[in-house]
Structure formats: structure tokens, C-alpha cells
Amino acid sequence: MRSGDLAVAIRRALERTSRDGFRLLQYSVQSDHLHMLVEADEPTRLARGLQGLAIRLAKTVNCVLGRRGRVWGDRYHARTLATPREVRNALVYVLNNWRKHVPRAEGLDPQSSAAWFDGWRRVRPRRDRSPIRAARTWLANVGWRRLGLLGIGEAPRRRR
């Protein structure tokens, strides 16, 4: 999912995700799954937004690969973030997750929203059309920043 026509198509599908009280804040595409940070105005919007996104992405994958049938092995795994620390950790996990999978990975993940993210310590965000939306909640917009901007070299902790 990280290369060629499929990667381009997935990014385009993600660009069309935010609407009607459901916002894609950050994402990263891995070889066989995605990591996303989303926010919604209410629980129903979250459920419908994720359902619509799963359908859109499945249709995209099937179209590009010229196949039919089920794309996702299981449903999404959601976790509600309640503290600035949890949001900051989630941002590191989503934006720098490739460091866990790609040996000696450097810079920003090209298959993520990292280039448009405005919370890096030493990187200015791209100003062209962004596939992500601005957060509206205090936690996702302001709260996590009180713990410090993200370093480009930070990586999610490996499980033991």
C-alpha cells in the first residue's frame, strides 16, 4: 500500500475523508494497514465517518488492483485519547511509525501526513493542498503542544 499507483490512490481517497463533523487529522500508510488520528463532533459521526472511510479505501484498493472482494481482515481498532500525553504519543506513533518497519528510516515518512503537520520542532509544514484537516478540540490542537513539539527522530516505543 506504500508504493506506486496504489499509494497515490489511497492518498487521494484520504484527501476526501473529512466531512460532516468527521476530520482526518493525521495518517500514515503502512504496507498492509493504516494508522490514523481522527476527531469527530459526536460518536455517531465517528462511526459513520470510519465506516465511510473503510468503504472508500476498500473500493480504491480493489479498483487499482483490478480485483473484487474483501480488503480489510478485521474492523478498525479505536482508542479514545483523553490527555495531552496520550495525544502527543499518538502523534509520534502515527507520524513516525515507519521507523519501526523501515530500517534506518530518516526524515519524514513520504506515505504519511507528516509533511503537512505543523507540530515539528524543526520542520516547516508544506503549504500546498493538504490531505488533513485542522483539529478543533483543545487536546488535539493545543493541549499536546504543552509537552513539546515533536522531534523528527522520535519513534514509537517497541513492545517488549
N, C-alpha and C. Protein backbone atom coordinates (compact mmCIF):
# COMPACT_ATOMS: atom_id res chain seq x y z
N MET A 1 0.82 -1.20 0.00
CA MET A 1 0.00 0.00 0.00
C MET A 1 0.86 1.26 0.00
N ARG A 2 2.17 1.13 0.13
CA ARG A 2 3.04 2.29 0.25
C ARG A 2 3.71 2.70 -1.05
N SER A 3 3.42 2.01 -2.15
CA SER A 3 4.14 2.35 -3.38
C SER A 3 3.24 2.36 -4.60
N GLY A 4 3.73 3.01 -5.64
CA GLY A 4 3.09 3.01 -6.94
C GLY A 4 1.72 3.65 -6.98
N ASP A 5 0.92 3.16 -7.93
CA ASP A 5 -0.41 3.71 -8.16
C ASP A 5 -1.32 3.56 -6.95
N LEU A 6 -1.13 2.47 -6.20
CA LEU A 6 -1.97 2.25 -5.03
C LEU A 6 -1.74 3.32 -3.97
N ALA A 7 -0.49 3.69 -3.74
CA ALA A 7 -0.18 4.73 -2.75
C ALA A 7 -0.80 6.06 -3.15
N VAL A 8 -0.73 6.40 -4.42
CA VAL A 8 -1.32 7.65 -4.92
C VAL A 8 -2.83 7.63 -4.75
N ALA A 9 -3.46 6.52 -5.09
CA ALA A 9 -4.92 6.40 -4.99
C ALA A 9 -5.38 6.46 -3.53
N ILE A 10 -4.64 5.84 -2.64
CA ILE A 10 -5.01 5.88 -1.22
C ILE A 10 -4.92 7.30 -0.70
N ARG A 11 -3.87 8.02 -1.06
CA ARG A 11 -3.75 9.41 -0.61
C ARG A 11 -4.93 10.24 -1.12
N ARG A 12 -5.31 10.06 -2.35
CA ARG A 12 -6.47 10.80 -2.90
C ARG A 12 -7.75 10.45 -2.15
N ALA A 13 -7.92 9.18 -1.80
CA ALA A 13 -9.10 8.78 -1.04
C ALA A 13 -9.08 9.42 0.35
N LEU A 14 -7.91 9.48 0.96
CA LEU A 14 -7.80 10.10 2.28
C LEU A 14 -8.08 11.60 2.21
N GLU A 15 -7.71 12.25 1.13
CA GLU A 15 -7.99 13.68 0.96
C GLU A 15 -9.49 13.98 1.00
N ARG A 16 -10.29 13.01 0.57
CA ARG A 16 -11.75 13.21 0.52
C ARG A 16 -12.46 12.71 1.77
N THR A 17 -11.71 12.41 2.81
CA THR A 17 -12.28 11.79 4.01
C THR A 17 -13.01 12.76 4.93
N SER A 18 -12.45 13.93 5.17
CA SER A 18 -13.02 14.84 6.17
C SER A 18 -14.27 15.52 5.65
N ARG A 19 -15.37 15.34 6.40
CA ARG A 19 -16.64 15.98 6.07
C ARG A 19 -17.67 15.70 7.16
N ASP A 20 -18.65 16.54 7.22
CA ASP A 20 -19.81 16.33 8.10
C ASP A 20 -19.44 15.97 9.54
N GLY A 21 -18.57 16.75 10.16
CA GLY A 21 -18.25 16.52 11.56
C GLY A 21 -17.25 15.42 11.81
N PHE A 22 -16.58 14.94 10.78
CA PHE A 22 -15.55 13.90 10.90
C PHE A 22 -14.29 14.42 10.20
N ARG A 23 -13.17 14.45 10.95
CA ARG A 23 -11.94 15.03 10.40
C ARG A 23 -10.77 14.07 10.54
N LEU A 24 -10.04 13.91 9.44
CA LEU A 24 -8.79 13.17 9.45
C LEU A 24 -7.70 14.15 9.84
N LEU A 25 -7.08 13.94 11.00
CA LEU A 25 -6.07 14.87 11.50
C LEU A 25 -4.67 14.48 11.05
N GLN A 26 -4.35 13.20 11.10
CA GLN A 26 -3.05 12.70 10.67
C GLN A 26 -3.21 11.26 10.22
N TYR A 27 -2.30 10.79 9.36
CA TYR A 27 -2.35 9.41 8.92
C TYR A 27 -0.96 8.94 8.50
N SER A 28 -0.80 7.63 8.47
CA SER A 28 0.35 7.01 7.83
C SER A 28 -0.11 5.69 7.23
N VAL A 29 0.38 5.44 6.04
CA VAL A 29 0.05 4.22 5.32
C VAL A 29 1.21 3.26 5.50
N GLN A 30 0.92 2.08 6.03
CA GLN A 30 1.93 1.04 6.19
C GLN A 30 1.74 0.02 5.06
N SER A 31 2.51 -1.03 5.03
CA SER A 31 2.43 -1.97 3.92
C SER A 31 1.08 -2.67 3.82
N ASP A 32 0.44 -2.93 4.96
CA ASP A 32 -0.84 -3.65 4.90
C ASP A 32 -1.91 -3.09 5.83
N HIS A 33 -1.69 -1.89 6.35
CA HIS A 33 -2.69 -1.26 7.21
C HIS A 33 -2.42 0.25 7.27
N LEU A 34 -3.32 0.97 7.92
CA LEU A 34 -3.17 2.41 8.09
C LEU A 34 -3.24 2.77 9.56
N HIS A 35 -2.57 3.86 9.91
CA HIS A 35 -2.71 4.45 11.24
C HIS A 35 -3.29 5.84 11.02
N MET A 36 -4.29 6.19 11.81
CA MET A 36 -4.93 7.49 11.65
C MET A 36 -5.25 8.10 13.01
N LEU A 37 -5.23 9.40 13.03
CA LEU A 37 -5.72 10.17 14.16
C LEU A 37 -6.89 10.97 13.61
N VAL A 38 -8.07 10.71 14.13
CA VAL A 38 -9.27 11.38 13.65
C VAL A 38 -9.99 12.03 14.82
N GLU A 39 -10.86 12.97 14.50
CA GLU A 39 -11.74 13.53 15.53
C GLU A 39 -13.11 13.72 14.91
N ALA A 40 -14.10 13.63 15.76
CA ALA A 40 -15.48 13.75 15.31
C ALA A 40 -16.27 14.59 16.31
N ASP A 41 -17.31 15.22 15.81
CA ASP A 41 -18.12 16.09 16.66
C ASP A 41 -19.00 15.30 17.62
N GLU A 42 -19.30 14.06 17.28
CA GLU A 42 -20.13 13.21 18.14
C GLU A 42 -19.88 11.74 17.78
N PRO A 43 -20.24 10.81 18.65
CA PRO A 43 -19.96 9.39 18.40
C PRO A 43 -20.56 8.85 17.10
N THR A 44 -21.76 9.28 16.75
CA THR A 44 -22.38 8.81 15.52
C THR A 44 -21.57 9.25 14.30
N ARG A 45 -21.07 10.47 14.33
CA ARG A 45 -20.23 10.98 13.22
C ARG A 45 -18.94 10.17 13.11
N LEU A 46 -18.38 9.80 14.24
CA LEU A 46 -17.16 8.99 14.23
C LEU A 46 -17.43 7.64 13.58
N ALA A 47 -18.47 6.96 14.02
CA ALA A 47 -18.79 5.64 13.48
C ALA A 47 -19.08 5.71 11.98
N ARG A 48 -19.88 6.67 11.57
CA ARG A 48 -20.21 6.79 10.14
C ARG A 48 -19.02 7.24 9.32
N GLY A 49 -18.20 8.13 9.89
CA GLY A 49 -17.01 8.58 9.18
C GLY A 49 -16.03 7.44 8.95
N LEU A 50 -15.80 6.62 9.96
CA LEU A 50 -14.89 5.49 9.82
C LEU A 50 -15.45 4.43 8.88
N GLN A 51 -16.76 4.22 8.95
CA GLN A 51 -17.39 3.26 8.04
C GLN A 51 -17.26 3.72 6.59
N GLY A 52 -17.54 4.99 6.36
CA GLY A 52 -17.41 5.53 5.00
C GLY A 52 -15.97 5.48 4.51
N LEU A 53 -15.03 5.77 5.39
CA LEU A 53 -13.61 5.72 5.02
C LEU A 53 -13.19 4.30 4.66
N ALA A 54 -13.61 3.32 5.45
CA ALA A 54 -13.27 1.92 5.17
C ALA A 54 -13.81 1.48 3.82
N ILE A 55 -15.03 1.88 3.51
CA ILE A 55 -15.64 1.54 2.23
C ILE A 55 -14.90 2.23 1.09
N ARG A 56 -14.63 3.52 1.24
CA ARG A 56 -13.92 4.28 0.20
C ARG A 56 -12.56 3.68 -0.09
N LEU A 57 -11.82 3.35 0.97
CA LEU A 57 -10.49 2.78 0.79
C LEU A 57 -10.56 1.38 0.17
N ALA A 58 -11.52 0.56 0.58
CA ALA A 58 -11.65 -0.78 0.01
C ALA A 58 -11.96 -0.69 -1.48
N LYS A 59 -12.86 0.20 -1.87
CA LYS A 59 -13.17 0.37 -3.29
C LYS A 59 -11.96 0.86 -4.06
N THR A 60 -11.19 1.75 -3.45
CA THR A 60 -9.98 2.27 -4.08
C THR A 60 -8.96 1.15 -4.31
N VAL A 61 -8.70 0.37 -3.27
CA VAL A 61 -7.73 -0.72 -3.37
C VAL A 61 -8.18 -1.72 -4.44
N ASN A 62 -9.43 -2.12 -4.41
CA ASN A 62 -9.94 -3.08 -5.39
C ASN A 62 -9.86 -2.54 -6.81
N CYS A 63 -10.19 -1.28 -6.99
CA CYS A 63 -10.15 -0.68 -8.33
C CYS A 63 -8.72 -0.65 -8.87
N VAL A 64 -7.79 -0.17 -8.08
CA VAL A 64 -6.40 -0.06 -8.53
C VAL A 64 -5.80 -1.43 -8.80
N LEU A 65 -6.12 -2.42 -7.97
CA LEU A 65 -5.55 -3.75 -8.14
C LEU A 65 -6.35 -4.63 -9.10
N GLY A 66 -7.48 -4.10 -9.59
CA GLY A 66 -8.30 -4.87 -10.53
C GLY A 66 -8.86 -6.14 -9.93
N ARG A 67 -9.32 -6.03 -8.71
CA ARG A 67 -9.86 -7.19 -8.02
C ARG A 67 -11.19 -6.86 -7.38
N ARG A 68 -11.81 -7.86 -6.78
CA ARG A 68 -13.06 -7.68 -6.05
C ARG A 68 -12.95 -8.37 -4.72
N GLY A 69 -13.88 -8.03 -3.83
CA GLY A 69 -13.93 -8.74 -2.56
C GLY A 69 -13.42 -7.95 -1.39
N ARG A 70 -13.34 -8.64 -0.30
CA ARG A 70 -12.97 -8.05 0.98
C ARG A 70 -11.51 -7.57 0.98
N VAL A 71 -11.30 -6.39 1.55
CA VAL A 71 -9.95 -5.83 1.63
C VAL A 71 -9.42 -5.91 3.05
N TRP A 72 -10.24 -5.57 4.01
CA TRP A 72 -9.81 -5.50 5.40
C TRP A 72 -10.06 -6.82 6.10
N GLY A 73 -9.07 -7.30 6.83
CA GLY A 73 -9.19 -8.55 7.56
C GLY A 73 -10.06 -8.43 8.80
N ASP A 74 -10.10 -7.25 9.37
CA ASP A 74 -10.95 -7.01 10.54
C ASP A 74 -11.34 -5.54 10.58
N ARG A 75 -12.09 -5.19 11.56
CA ARG A 75 -12.53 -3.80 11.70
C ARG A 75 -11.44 -2.95 12.30
N TYR A 76 -11.72 -1.68 12.40
CA TYR A 76 -10.74 -0.77 12.98
C TYR A 76 -10.62 -0.97 14.48
N HIS A 77 -9.50 -0.57 14.99
CA HIS A 77 -9.26 -0.59 16.44
C HIS A 77 -9.19 0.87 16.88
N ALA A 78 -10.14 1.29 17.69
CA ALA A 78 -10.21 2.68 18.10
C ALA A 78 -9.79 2.83 19.56
N ARG A 79 -9.20 3.96 19.83
CA ARG A 79 -8.86 4.29 21.21
C ARG A 79 -9.14 5.77 21.42
N THR A 80 -9.92 6.09 22.42
CA THR A 80 -10.21 7.47 22.76
C THR A 80 -9.03 8.04 23.53
N LEU A 81 -8.57 9.20 23.10
CA LEU A 81 -7.43 9.86 23.75
C LEU A 81 -7.97 10.91 24.70
N ALA A 82 -7.51 10.89 25.94
CA ALA A 82 -8.10 11.75 26.96
C ALA A 82 -7.14 12.76 27.57
N THR A 83 -5.84 12.63 27.32
CA THR A 83 -4.88 13.54 27.94
C THR A 83 -3.92 14.09 26.88
N PRO A 84 -3.30 15.22 27.16
CA PRO A 84 -2.29 15.75 26.23
C PRO A 84 -1.17 14.75 25.95
N ARG A 85 -0.72 13.99 26.96
CA ARG A 85 0.33 12.99 26.77
C ARG A 85 -0.11 11.90 25.79
N GLU A 86 -1.35 11.44 25.93
CA GLU A 86 -1.86 10.41 25.02
C GLU A 86 -1.91 10.92 23.58
N VAL A 87 -2.33 12.16 23.39
CA VAL A 87 -2.39 12.72 22.04
C VAL A 87 -0.98 12.86 21.47
N ARG A 88 -0.06 13.36 22.26
CA ARG A 88 1.32 13.51 21.76
C ARG A 88 1.91 12.16 21.40
N ASN A 89 1.72 11.16 22.26
CA ASN A 89 2.21 9.82 21.96
C ASN A 89 1.57 9.25 20.70
N ALA A 90 0.29 9.51 20.51
CA ALA A 90 -0.41 9.04 19.31
C ALA A 90 0.15 9.71 18.06
N LEU A 91 0.46 11.00 18.16
CA LEU A 91 1.05 11.70 17.02
C LEU A 91 2.40 11.10 16.64
N VAL A 92 3.24 10.84 17.63
CA VAL A 92 4.52 10.19 17.36
C VAL A 92 4.29 8.82 16.73
N TYR A 93 3.35 8.07 17.27
CA TYR A 93 3.06 6.73 16.75
C TYR A 93 2.60 6.78 15.30
N VAL A 94 1.67 7.66 15.00
CA VAL A 94 1.13 7.72 13.65
C VAL A 94 2.17 8.28 12.66
N LEU A 95 2.76 9.40 12.98
CA LEU A 95 3.64 10.07 12.02
C LEU A 95 5.01 9.43 11.86
N ASN A 96 5.50 8.78 12.89
CA ASN A 96 6.84 8.19 12.81
C ASN A 96 6.82 6.66 12.92
N ASN A 97 5.68 6.05 12.66
CA ASN A 97 5.56 4.60 12.78
C ASN A 97 6.47 3.86 11.81
N TRP A 98 6.77 4.46 10.70
CA TRP A 98 7.61 3.78 9.71
C TRP A 98 9.00 3.47 10.25
N ARG A 99 9.43 4.21 11.27
CA ARG A 99 10.74 3.94 11.87
C ARG A 99 10.79 2.55 12.50
N LYS A 100 9.63 2.00 12.87
CA LYS A 100 9.56 0.65 13.42
C LYS A 100 9.68 -0.40 12.31
N HIS A 101 9.33 -0.04 11.08
CA HIS A 101 9.23 -1.01 9.99
C HIS A 101 10.30 -0.87 8.91
N VAL A 102 10.85 0.33 8.77
CA VAL A 102 11.84 0.58 7.72
C VAL A 102 13.21 0.80 8.38
N PRO A 103 14.13 -0.12 8.17
CA PRO A 103 15.45 0.04 8.79
C PRO A 103 16.13 1.34 8.36
N ARG A 104 16.71 2.03 9.31
CA ARG A 104 17.47 3.27 9.08
C ARG A 104 16.62 4.36 8.39
N ALA A 105 15.34 4.38 8.65
CA ALA A 105 14.47 5.41 8.08
C ALA A 105 14.90 6.79 8.58
N GLU A 106 14.94 7.75 7.68
CA GLU A 106 15.32 9.11 8.04
C GLU A 106 14.31 10.10 7.44
N GLY A 107 14.23 11.27 8.06
CA GLY A 107 13.35 12.30 7.54
C GLY A 107 11.89 12.01 7.82
N LEU A 108 11.03 12.61 7.01
CA LEU A 108 9.59 12.44 7.15
C LEU A 108 9.12 11.26 6.31
N ASP A 109 8.14 10.55 6.82
CA ASP A 109 7.57 9.42 6.10
C ASP A 109 6.82 9.96 4.88
N PRO A 110 7.23 9.58 3.67
CA PRO A 110 6.56 10.08 2.47
C PRO A 110 5.14 9.54 2.28
N GLN A 111 4.80 8.48 3.00
CA GLN A 111 3.45 7.91 2.90
C GLN A 111 2.63 8.24 4.14
N SER A 112 2.79 9.47 4.60
CA SER A 112 2.04 9.93 5.76
C SER A 112 1.69 11.40 5.56
N SER A 113 1.02 11.94 6.54
CA SER A 113 0.67 13.37 6.51
C SER A 113 1.75 14.21 7.18
N ALA A 114 2.89 13.63 7.48
CA ALA A 114 3.96 14.31 8.21
C ALA A 114 4.40 15.62 7.57
N ALA A 115 4.41 15.69 6.25
CA ALA A 115 4.87 16.90 5.56
C ALA A 115 3.95 18.09 5.80
N TRP A 116 2.69 17.84 6.12
CA TRP A 116 1.71 18.92 6.35
C TRP A 116 1.51 19.21 7.84
N PHE A 117 2.12 18.42 8.69
CA PHE A 117 1.98 18.55 10.14
C PHE A 117 2.73 19.79 10.61
N ASP A 118 2.06 20.61 11.42
CA ASP A 118 2.67 21.87 11.87
C ASP A 118 3.22 21.80 13.30
N GLY A 119 3.44 20.60 13.79
CA GLY A 119 3.92 20.44 15.16
C GLY A 119 5.32 19.88 15.28
N TRP A 120 6.12 19.97 14.20
CA TRP A 120 7.51 19.53 14.27
C TRP A 120 8.37 20.62 14.89
N ARG A 121 9.39 20.22 15.59
CA ARG A 121 10.33 21.17 16.19
C ARG A 121 11.10 21.96 15.13
N ARG A 122 11.61 21.31 14.09
CA ARG A 122 12.50 21.99 13.15
C ARG A 122 12.09 21.85 11.69
N VAL A 123 10.86 21.49 11.43
CA VAL A 123 10.40 21.31 10.05
C VAL A 123 9.18 22.19 9.82
N ARG A 124 9.22 22.96 8.75
CA ARG A 124 8.05 23.76 8.39
C ARG A 124 7.11 22.92 7.53
N PRO A 125 5.80 23.05 7.78
CA PRO A 125 4.85 22.23 7.01
C PRO A 125 4.71 22.71 5.56
N ARG A 126 4.38 21.76 4.70
CA ARG A 126 4.07 22.11 3.31
C ARG A 126 2.84 23.00 3.30
N ARG A 127 2.76 23.85 2.32
CA ARG A 127 1.62 24.78 2.23
C ARG A 127 0.69 24.47 1.06
N ASP A 128 0.99 23.42 0.30
CA ASP A 128 0.10 23.07 -0.80
C ASP A 128 -1.14 22.36 -0.25
N ARG A 129 -1.98 21.89 -1.12
CA ARG A 129 -3.23 21.25 -0.71
C ARG A 129 -2.96 20.10 0.25
N SER A 130 -3.53 20.20 1.41
CA SER A 130 -3.29 19.23 2.47
C SER A 130 -4.37 18.15 2.49
N PRO A 131 -3.96 16.90 2.71
CA PRO A 131 -4.94 15.82 2.82
C PRO A 131 -5.58 15.74 4.21
N ILE A 132 -5.11 16.56 5.14
CA ILE A 132 -5.60 16.52 6.52
C ILE A 132 -6.33 17.82 6.86
N ARG A 133 -7.04 17.80 7.98
CA ARG A 133 -7.78 18.97 8.43
C ARG A 133 -7.25 19.42 9.79
N ALA A 134 -7.51 20.66 10.10
CA ALA A 134 -7.10 21.21 11.39
C ALA A 134 -7.98 20.65 12.50
N ALA A 135 -7.36 20.37 13.62
CA ALA A 135 -8.09 19.87 14.78
C ALA A 135 -8.96 20.98 15.36
N ARG A 136 -10.08 20.59 15.93
CA ARG A 136 -10.96 21.56 16.58
C ARG A 136 -10.98 21.41 18.09
N THR A 137 -10.55 20.26 18.58
CA THR A 137 -10.56 20.04 20.02
C THR A 137 -9.31 20.63 20.66
N TRP A 138 -9.43 21.02 21.90
CA TRP A 138 -8.30 21.59 22.62
C TRP A 138 -7.15 20.59 22.72
N LEU A 139 -7.46 19.33 23.02
CA LEU A 139 -6.42 18.32 23.17
C LEU A 139 -5.59 18.15 21.91
N ALA A 140 -6.25 18.05 20.76
CA ALA A 140 -5.56 17.78 19.51
C ALA A 140 -4.95 19.02 18.88
N ASN A 141 -5.40 20.19 19.31
CA ASN A 141 -4.91 21.44 18.72
C ASN A 141 -3.87 22.12 19.60
N VAL A 142 -4.12 22.21 20.89
CA VAL A 142 -3.29 22.99 21.80
C VAL A 142 -2.67 22.13 22.91
N GLY A 143 -3.46 21.29 23.55
CA GLY A 143 -3.05 20.58 24.75
C GLY A 143 -1.76 19.81 24.63
N TRP A 144 -1.62 19.00 23.60
CA TRP A 144 -0.41 18.18 23.46
C TRP A 144 0.85 19.02 23.28
N ARG A 145 0.71 20.22 22.69
CA ARG A 145 1.88 21.08 22.43
C ARG A 145 2.53 21.56 23.72
N ARG A 146 1.80 21.56 24.81
CA ARG A 146 2.37 21.96 26.10
C ARG A 146 3.47 21.01 26.56
N LEU A 147 3.50 19.82 25.98
CA LEU A 147 4.53 18.83 26.32
C LEU A 147 5.72 18.89 25.37
N GLY A 148 5.68 19.80 24.41
CA GLY A 148 6.79 19.96 23.48
C GLY A 148 6.46 19.49 22.08
N LEU A 149 6.97 20.22 21.09
CA LEU A 149 6.77 19.83 19.71
C LEU A 149 7.49 18.52 19.43
N LEU A 150 7.12 17.85 18.36
CA LEU A 150 7.70 16.57 18.03
C LEU A 150 9.06 16.72 17.35
N GLY A 151 9.94 15.82 17.68
CA GLY A 151 11.23 15.74 17.00
C GLY A 151 11.14 14.76 15.85
N ILE A 152 11.77 15.09 14.77
CA ILE A 152 11.69 14.24 13.59
C ILE A 152 12.24 12.84 13.83
N GLY A 153 13.15 12.71 14.78
CA GLY A 153 13.76 11.42 15.08
C GLY A 153 13.05 10.61 16.15
N GLU A 154 12.00 11.16 16.75
CA GLU A 154 11.26 10.40 17.76
C GLU A 154 10.60 9.21 17.11
N ALA A 155 10.56 8.12 17.83
CA ALA A 155 9.92 6.92 17.30
C ALA A 155 9.05 6.28 18.38
N PRO A 156 8.01 5.58 17.95
CA PRO A 156 7.19 4.87 18.93
C PRO A 156 8.03 3.82 19.64
N ARG A 157 7.71 3.58 20.88
CA ARG A 157 8.43 2.55 21.64
C ARG A 157 8.08 1.18 21.08
N ARG A 158 9.06 0.33 21.03
CA ARG A 158 8.83 -1.04 20.61
C ARG A 158 8.26 -1.83 21.77
N ARG A 159 7.35 -2.75 21.46
CA ARG A 159 6.80 -3.61 22.51
C ARG A 159 7.85 -4.62 22.93
N ARG A 160 7.82 -4.95 24.21
CA ARG A 160 8.80 -5.92 24.72
C ARG A 160 8.22 -7.29 24.78
